[in-house]
Protein backbone atom coordinates (compact mmCIF):
# COMPACT_ATOMS: atom_id res chain seq x y z
CA MET A 1 109.20 52.98 103.87
CA GLU A 2 106.20 54.98 102.91
CA THR A 3 104.05 54.32 100.29
CA PRO A 4 102.39 57.08 97.96
CA ASN A 5 99.07 56.51 99.38
CA THR A 6 99.93 56.42 103.17
CA LEU A 7 99.28 59.19 105.31
CA ARG A 8 102.01 60.28 108.00
CA PRO A 9 100.74 59.77 111.78
CA ASP A 10 100.38 63.84 112.37
CA ILE A 11 98.69 64.41 109.14
CA GLU A 12 95.82 61.03 110.31
CA ALA A 13 95.90 62.98 113.55
CA GLU A 14 94.51 66.02 112.06
CA ALA A 15 92.07 64.53 109.69
CA LEU A 16 88.21 64.87 110.43
CA PRO A 17 86.92 61.75 111.96
CA ASP A 18 83.24 62.65 110.71
CA MET A 19 84.31 64.05 107.00
CA ILE A 20 81.99 63.12 104.33
CA VAL A 21 83.71 62.89 101.12
CA PRO A 22 81.20 63.03 98.18
CA SER A 23 80.94 60.02 96.14
CA ASP A 24 78.14 60.40 94.22
CA ILE A 25 79.33 61.63 90.78
CA ARG A 26 75.52 62.91 89.95
CA SER A 27 75.15 64.86 93.25
CA VAL A 28 78.69 66.52 92.66
CA PHE A 29 77.99 67.19 89.11
CA GLN A 30 74.50 69.08 90.04
CA ALA A 31 76.19 70.86 93.01
CA GLY A 32 78.57 72.32 90.55
CA GLN A 33 75.44 73.17 87.92
CA PHE A 34 73.91 74.92 91.16
CA LEU A 35 77.01 76.99 91.80
CA LEU A 36 77.29 77.63 88.07
CA MET A 37 73.93 79.30 87.97
CA LEU A 38 74.17 81.08 91.54
CA LEU A 39 77.30 82.82 89.97
CA ALA A 40 75.67 83.66 86.79
CA ALA A 41 72.93 85.32 88.48
CA CYS A 42 75.27 87.10 90.82
CA TYR A 43 77.21 88.68 87.61
CA PHE A 44 74.02 89.34 85.18
CA ALA A 45 72.07 90.47 88.24
CA GLY A 46 74.87 92.08 90.19
CA GLU A 47 73.04 95.59 90.09
CA ILE A 48 70.64 94.27 92.89
CA ILE A 49 72.52 91.39 94.42
CA LEU A 50 75.64 93.16 95.50
CA PRO A 51 73.00 95.93 97.47
CA ILE A 52 71.95 93.12 99.33
CA VAL A 53 74.90 91.16 100.19
CA LEU A 54 76.41 94.60 101.13
CA ALA A 55 73.79 95.45 103.47
CA PHE A 56 73.39 91.80 104.98
CA VAL A 57 77.14 92.26 106.10
CA LEU A 58 76.39 95.48 107.52
CA SER A 59 73.82 94.20 109.31
CA LEU A 60 75.88 91.38 111.10
CA VAL A 61 78.22 94.30 112.09
CA LEU A 62 75.75 96.60 113.45
CA GLN A 63 73.25 93.94 115.14
CA PRO A 64 75.22 94.01 118.38
CA LEU A 65 74.83 97.88 118.50
CA MET A 66 71.22 97.15 117.76
CA ARG A 67 70.99 94.86 120.78
CA LEU A 68 72.73 97.89 123.00
CA LEU A 69 70.22 100.34 121.91
CA GLU A 70 67.14 98.04 122.71
CA LYS A 71 68.19 97.67 126.20
CA LEU A 72 68.31 101.27 126.03
CA HIS A 73 64.66 100.79 125.82
CA LEU A 74 64.63 102.68 122.29
CA PRO A 75 62.21 100.74 119.85
CA ARG A 76 63.79 98.86 116.67
CA SER A 77 62.68 101.39 114.00
CA LEU A 78 64.21 104.50 115.91
CA ALA A 79 67.47 102.66 116.88
CA ALA A 80 67.91 101.22 113.12
CA LEU A 81 67.22 104.96 111.55
CA ALA A 82 69.63 106.74 114.16
CA ILE A 83 72.33 104.06 112.94
CA ILE A 84 71.87 104.90 109.53
CA VAL A 85 71.56 107.98 109.77
CA VAL A 86 74.83 108.86 111.94
CA LEU A 87 76.35 106.26 109.61
CA GLY A 88 75.68 108.51 106.59
CA GLY A 89 76.16 111.71 108.03
CA SER A 90 79.51 110.24 108.98
CA ILE A 91 80.27 109.33 105.19
CA VAL A 92 78.95 112.33 104.26
CA GLY A 93 81.02 114.81 106.21
CA LEU A 94 84.02 113.05 105.40
CA GLY A 95 83.68 113.11 101.50
CA ALA A 96 82.52 117.17 101.97
CA ALA A 97 86.05 117.41 104.11
CA LEU A 98 88.15 115.30 101.47
CA SER A 99 86.49 117.32 98.22
CA GLY A 100 88.85 120.16 98.33
CA PRO A 101 92.19 118.24 98.68
CA ALA A 102 91.15 115.47 96.18
CA VAL A 103 90.18 118.20 93.68
CA SER A 104 93.17 120.24 94.43
CA TRP A 105 95.24 116.81 93.49
CA ALA A 106 93.56 116.35 90.61
CA GLN A 107 93.99 119.74 89.37
CA LYS A 108 97.97 119.64 89.98
CA LEU A 109 98.25 115.87 88.13
CA PRO A 110 98.10 117.41 85.10
CA GLU A 111 100.99 120.59 85.52
CA GLY A 112 102.86 117.86 87.62
CA LEU A 113 103.31 114.76 84.45
CA PRO A 114 106.32 116.71 83.23
CA ARG A 115 107.94 116.90 86.59
CA LEU A 116 107.32 113.46 87.31
CA GLN A 117 108.42 112.58 84.13
CA GLU A 118 111.65 114.39 84.67
CA ARG A 119 112.43 112.79 88.42
CA LEU A 120 111.62 108.93 86.85
CA SER A 121 114.29 109.56 83.67
CA PHE A 122 116.03 107.47 84.79
CA LEU A 123 113.80 104.79 84.53
CA GLY A 124 113.86 105.34 80.82
CA LYS A 125 116.69 103.34 79.37
CA PRO A 126 115.37 100.10 81.02
CA ILE A 127 111.43 100.86 79.71
CA HIS A 128 113.10 101.53 76.16
CA THR A 129 114.91 98.43 75.99
CA LEU A 130 112.00 96.62 77.11
CA GLN A 131 109.82 98.06 74.56
CA THR A 132 112.70 97.17 71.75
CA PHE A 133 112.69 93.67 72.76
CA LEU A 134 108.73 93.45 72.56
CA HIS A 135 108.82 95.12 69.33
CA GLN A 136 111.15 92.73 67.84
CA ALA A 137 109.83 89.93 69.32
CA GLU A 138 106.27 91.30 67.83
CA GLY A 139 107.83 91.44 64.44
CA LEU A 140 109.22 87.84 64.67
CA THR A 141 105.91 86.60 65.13
CA GLN A 142 103.52 88.91 62.92
CA GLU A 143 102.51 87.40 59.66
CA LYS A 144 101.64 88.91 56.33
CA GLY A 145 98.44 89.03 55.30
CA PRO A 146 95.65 91.43 53.31
CA ALA A 147 95.40 94.65 55.28
CA VAL A 148 92.46 95.21 57.19
CA SER A 149 90.42 98.15 57.56
CA THR A 150 89.53 99.33 60.95
CA VAL A 151 86.19 101.23 61.93
CA VAL A 152 86.12 103.38 64.50
CA VAL A 153 82.73 103.29 66.38
CA GLN A 154 82.21 106.82 68.41
CA GLY A 155 80.49 105.83 71.75
CA SER A 156 78.92 107.85 74.15
CA GLY A 157 80.44 111.29 75.45
CA TRP A 158 82.26 111.30 79.42
CA SER A 159 79.41 113.21 80.52
CA ASP A 160 76.79 110.17 79.31
CA LYS A 161 79.38 107.93 80.94
CA LEU A 162 79.57 109.74 84.38
CA LEU A 163 75.77 110.45 84.35
CA SER A 164 74.85 106.61 84.07
CA GLY A 165 77.35 105.72 86.48
CA THR A 166 75.92 108.32 89.18
CA ARG A 167 72.59 107.24 88.41
CA SER A 168 73.77 103.49 88.98
CA ILE A 169 75.81 104.28 92.38
CA ALA A 170 72.91 106.35 93.79
CA SER A 171 70.71 103.11 93.03
CA GLY A 172 72.68 101.19 94.49
CA LEU A 173 73.30 103.05 97.64
CA PHE A 174 69.46 103.88 98.19
CA THR A 175 69.06 99.91 97.71
CA THR A 176 71.45 99.44 100.08
CA VAL A 177 70.20 101.49 102.95
CA LEU A 178 66.68 100.81 102.28
CA VAL A 179 66.97 96.89 102.54
CA LEU A 180 70.00 97.73 105.76
CA PHE A 181 66.86 99.64 107.37
CA PHE A 182 64.30 96.61 107.31
CA LEU A 183 67.31 93.72 107.94
CA LEU A 184 67.72 96.28 111.05
CA ILE A 185 64.48 96.07 112.30
CA ALA A 186 63.51 92.65 111.16
CA GLY A 187 66.69 91.43 113.90
CA ASP A 188 66.13 87.37 113.97
CA ILE A 189 62.84 87.19 112.58
CA PHE A 190 64.22 85.08 109.54
CA LEU A 191 65.97 82.94 112.28
CA ARG A 192 62.94 82.53 114.11
CA ARG A 193 60.77 81.41 111.21
CA LEU A 194 63.89 78.79 110.04
CA VAL A 195 63.84 77.50 113.43
CA GLU A 196 59.95 76.90 113.41
CA ILE A 197 59.54 74.96 110.38
CA LEU A 198 62.76 72.97 110.71
CA PRO A 199 61.34 69.08 112.03
CA ARG A 200 64.24 68.23 114.24
CA PHE A 201 65.67 69.63 117.21
CA LYS A 202 69.32 69.19 116.02
CA ASP A 203 68.87 71.05 113.10
CA LYS A 204 67.04 73.41 115.11
CA ARG A 205 69.92 73.68 117.37
CA LYS A 206 72.54 73.97 114.55
CA ALA A 207 70.91 76.54 112.47
CA VAL A 208 71.30 78.68 115.62
CA ASP A 209 74.53 77.98 116.18
CA ILE A 210 75.23 78.66 112.34
CA SER A 211 73.50 82.11 113.11
CA GLN A 212 75.32 83.07 115.93
CA GLN A 213 78.91 81.93 114.61
CA ILE A 214 78.41 84.16 111.33
CA GLU A 215 77.19 86.78 113.83
CA ALA A 216 80.07 86.96 115.86
CA ASP A 217 82.64 85.97 113.62
CA ILE A 218 81.84 88.47 110.66
CA SER A 219 81.04 91.34 113.64
CA ALA A 220 84.79 90.59 115.09
CA TYR A 221 86.68 90.41 111.96
CA LEU A 222 85.32 93.39 110.17
CA THR A 223 85.12 95.45 113.57
CA THR A 224 88.67 94.37 114.04
CA ILE A 225 89.61 95.23 110.59
CA THR A 226 88.28 98.59 110.55
CA VAL A 227 89.97 99.73 113.74
CA MET A 228 93.43 98.45 112.14
CA ASN A 229 92.58 100.42 109.40
CA LEU A 230 92.08 103.57 110.75
CA GLY A 231 95.42 102.76 112.94
CA VAL A 232 97.01 102.60 109.76
CA GLY A 233 95.29 105.85 108.45
CA ILE A 234 96.40 107.67 111.49
CA ALA A 235 100.02 106.51 110.71
CA THR A 236 100.25 107.30 107.42
CA GLY A 237 98.31 110.46 107.69
CA ILE A 238 101.26 111.60 109.88
CA VAL A 239 104.00 110.10 108.07
CA THR A 240 102.58 112.03 104.74
CA ALA A 241 102.78 115.66 106.92
CA ALA A 242 106.12 114.70 108.35
CA CYS A 243 107.39 114.34 104.71
CA GLY A 244 105.92 117.62 103.77
CA VAL A 245 103.27 115.67 101.31
CA GLY A 246 100.28 118.00 102.65
CA ASP A 247 97.06 117.28 102.95
CA PRO A 248 97.71 113.96 105.64
CA VAL A 249 93.56 113.99 106.11
CA LEU A 250 93.52 112.36 102.30
CA TRP A 251 96.21 110.19 102.43
CA GLY A 252 95.50 109.00 105.78
CA THR A 253 92.03 108.12 104.42
CA VAL A 254 92.69 106.51 101.17
CA ALA A 255 95.20 104.45 103.36
CA PHE A 256 92.13 103.51 105.54
CA LEU A 257 89.88 102.94 102.52
CA LEU A 258 92.67 100.96 100.40
CA ASN A 259 93.28 98.56 104.03
CA TYR A 260 89.70 97.29 103.33
CA VAL A 261 91.23 95.05 99.99
CA PRO A 262 93.96 92.67 101.38
CA ILE A 263 96.97 92.60 99.56
CA LEU A 264 95.76 94.40 96.38
CA GLY A 265 95.07 97.24 98.28
CA PRO A 266 98.16 98.16 100.08
CA MET A 267 99.58 97.39 96.72
CA ILE A 268 97.65 100.26 95.23
CA GLY A 269 98.67 102.34 98.01
CA VAL A 270 102.15 102.28 97.45
CA THR A 271 102.05 103.28 93.99
CA ILE A 272 99.98 106.10 95.29
CA LEU A 273 102.07 107.35 97.26
CA VAL A 274 105.22 106.94 95.40
CA PHE A 275 103.90 109.56 93.00
CA ALA A 276 102.08 111.93 95.47
CA GLY A 277 105.61 111.89 96.89
CA LEU A 278 107.41 112.68 93.71
CA LEU A 279 104.77 115.34 92.81
CA SER A 280 105.36 116.97 96.25
CA VAL A 281 108.65 116.51 98.04
CA GLU A 282 111.79 117.72 96.50
CA THR A 283 114.39 115.59 97.54
CA LEU A 284 114.41 112.59 95.48
CA TRP A 285 115.38 110.15 98.26
CA LEU A 286 112.85 111.74 100.29
CA ALA A 287 110.08 111.48 97.75
CA PHE A 288 109.94 107.85 98.24
CA VAL A 289 109.88 107.81 102.28
CA PRO A 290 106.18 107.77 102.31
CA ALA A 291 105.38 104.79 100.40
CA GLY A 292 108.35 103.18 102.41
CA VAL A 293 106.95 103.73 105.72
CA TYR A 294 103.66 102.67 104.73
CA VAL A 295 105.04 99.53 103.27
CA LEU A 296 106.67 98.82 107.02
CA ILE A 297 103.20 100.16 108.50
CA HIS A 298 101.42 97.61 106.32
CA VAL A 299 104.05 94.74 107.07
CA VAL A 300 103.65 95.53 110.87
CA GLU A 301 99.85 95.60 110.71
CA GLY A 302 98.67 92.85 107.87
CA GLU A 303 101.37 90.50 109.17
CA THR A 304 101.76 90.69 112.74
CA ILE A 305 99.05 92.23 114.75
CA THR A 306 95.77 91.25 112.54
CA PRO A 307 96.63 87.88 112.37
CA MET A 308 97.15 87.89 115.71
CA LEU A 309 93.92 89.22 116.70
CA LEU A 310 92.01 87.10 114.31
CA ALA A 311 93.93 83.53 114.32
CA LYS A 312 91.43 82.25 116.58
CA ARG A 313 88.75 82.80 114.26
CA PHE A 314 89.92 83.12 110.86
CA THR A 315 92.20 80.56 109.46
CA ILE A 316 91.61 80.88 106.03
CA ASN A 317 93.76 79.48 102.78
CA PRO A 318 95.77 82.43 101.76
CA VAL A 319 95.66 81.41 98.05
CA LEU A 320 91.82 81.44 97.97
CA VAL A 321 91.84 84.74 99.67
CA ILE A 322 93.99 85.88 96.55
CA LEU A 323 91.94 83.78 94.33
CA ALA A 324 88.51 85.19 96.09
CA LEU A 325 89.93 88.85 95.49
CA VAL A 326 90.81 88.57 92.01
CA PHE A 327 87.04 86.71 91.17
CA TRP A 328 84.87 88.82 92.87
CA TYR A 329 86.59 91.96 91.53
CA TRP A 330 86.17 91.00 88.22
CA MET A 331 82.34 90.38 89.03
CA TRP A 332 81.41 93.32 91.38
CA GLY A 333 84.93 95.60 91.08
CA ILE A 334 85.79 97.42 93.91
CA LEU A 335 83.05 96.63 96.41
CA GLY A 336 83.29 92.93 95.44
CA ALA A 337 86.93 92.68 96.25
CA ILE A 338 86.03 94.44 100.22
CA LEU A 339 83.33 91.58 100.58
CA ALA A 340 85.17 88.85 99.40
CA VAL A 341 86.94 87.88 102.03
CA PRO A 342 84.01 88.19 104.62
CA MET A 343 81.76 86.17 102.23
CA LEU A 344 84.40 83.41 101.90
CA ALA A 345 84.30 83.38 105.84
CA ILE A 346 80.86 82.71 105.94
CA THR A 347 81.03 79.80 103.42
CA LYS A 348 83.84 78.10 105.78
CA ILE A 349 81.38 78.46 108.83
CA ILE A 350 78.50 76.81 106.96
CA CYS A 351 80.47 74.44 105.42
CA ASP A 352 82.19 73.43 109.21
CA ARG A 353 78.60 72.92 110.27
CA VAL A 354 77.09 71.20 107.97
CA GLN A 355 77.49 67.75 107.37
CA PRO A 356 77.92 67.10 103.61
CA LEU A 357 80.14 70.40 103.11
CA ALA A 358 82.39 69.71 105.92
CA SER A 359 85.28 68.52 103.50
CA PHE A 360 84.88 71.73 101.42
CA GLY A 361 85.53 73.58 104.26
CA HIS A 362 88.05 71.70 105.54
CA PHE A 363 89.92 72.60 102.11
CA ILE A 364 89.11 76.38 102.54
CA GLU A 365 91.18 76.05 106.36
CA GLY A 366 94.49 77.42 106.46
């Protein structure tokens, strides 16, 4: 009979023989302090750190294309400039093409709210029952006390907020493009300098191995995800056009972009397609078809095809993926959620190849 401290044979076989579990509480405490300070720096200096991290991840994806252009005898500066111009032009062109339909739906939304409320009237009774229950529960827990006067402080207007947000986005975009351009030009210069200063040949080889593995895995991950998201966007556009929702390019692009955020993105996409269907499709049951087919598309893509393509490169604990999404969304917003999985994968690659961090890398593994 097994005791609580005895491992099963199959678990013993899976354990890494050379894994080192930190036993010095002082070193663990210092590592925790360093991690907390690093995260605090990422939070308070997010406006400058986020564009740099985004540029670094984009450079990993674009390095294979840079090598291809180098084989065509194109100078690195011209190759980097051409890539950035094509990438920026594609984003600007797509934004210009989608601005018309997006403005049209934004104008249609206030007029369609009464219609939306009418079509969702069957949910009124359950919602009213829930509200009554919450009010009663609040009345039981609320204690009488002295009246507290509230002071309303009028903040800045929407125009000031919009101007501030636009300025922040423009500044971050400029920083990302600038850093990305010089990262593409620099190539592997940082890796060469690191190899030169490392004292032992074993460490030099490990540094090269980690760098190559990060570039190969992250590039493969983002390329695969982009191709699959493109398929999801095309399928969603076809479905919305067939169901009479209209503007299939807009909805296909929304599905394409939201699919970069695992789990949370498709949930938002389902909600958006439900409201779009209710606003534009006359038949009630047919209004839910675009959202239902979108769920089916996501299940086929997210649970079957994409895991099959990435299983050899990425086996990450799904619970940690969810926690990373929530944490980095709180830290950096939607871009943080998009970068959460690549950053978690980079962390695992480094931990798997650095002996003191091997146990942490094994913990991340799915």
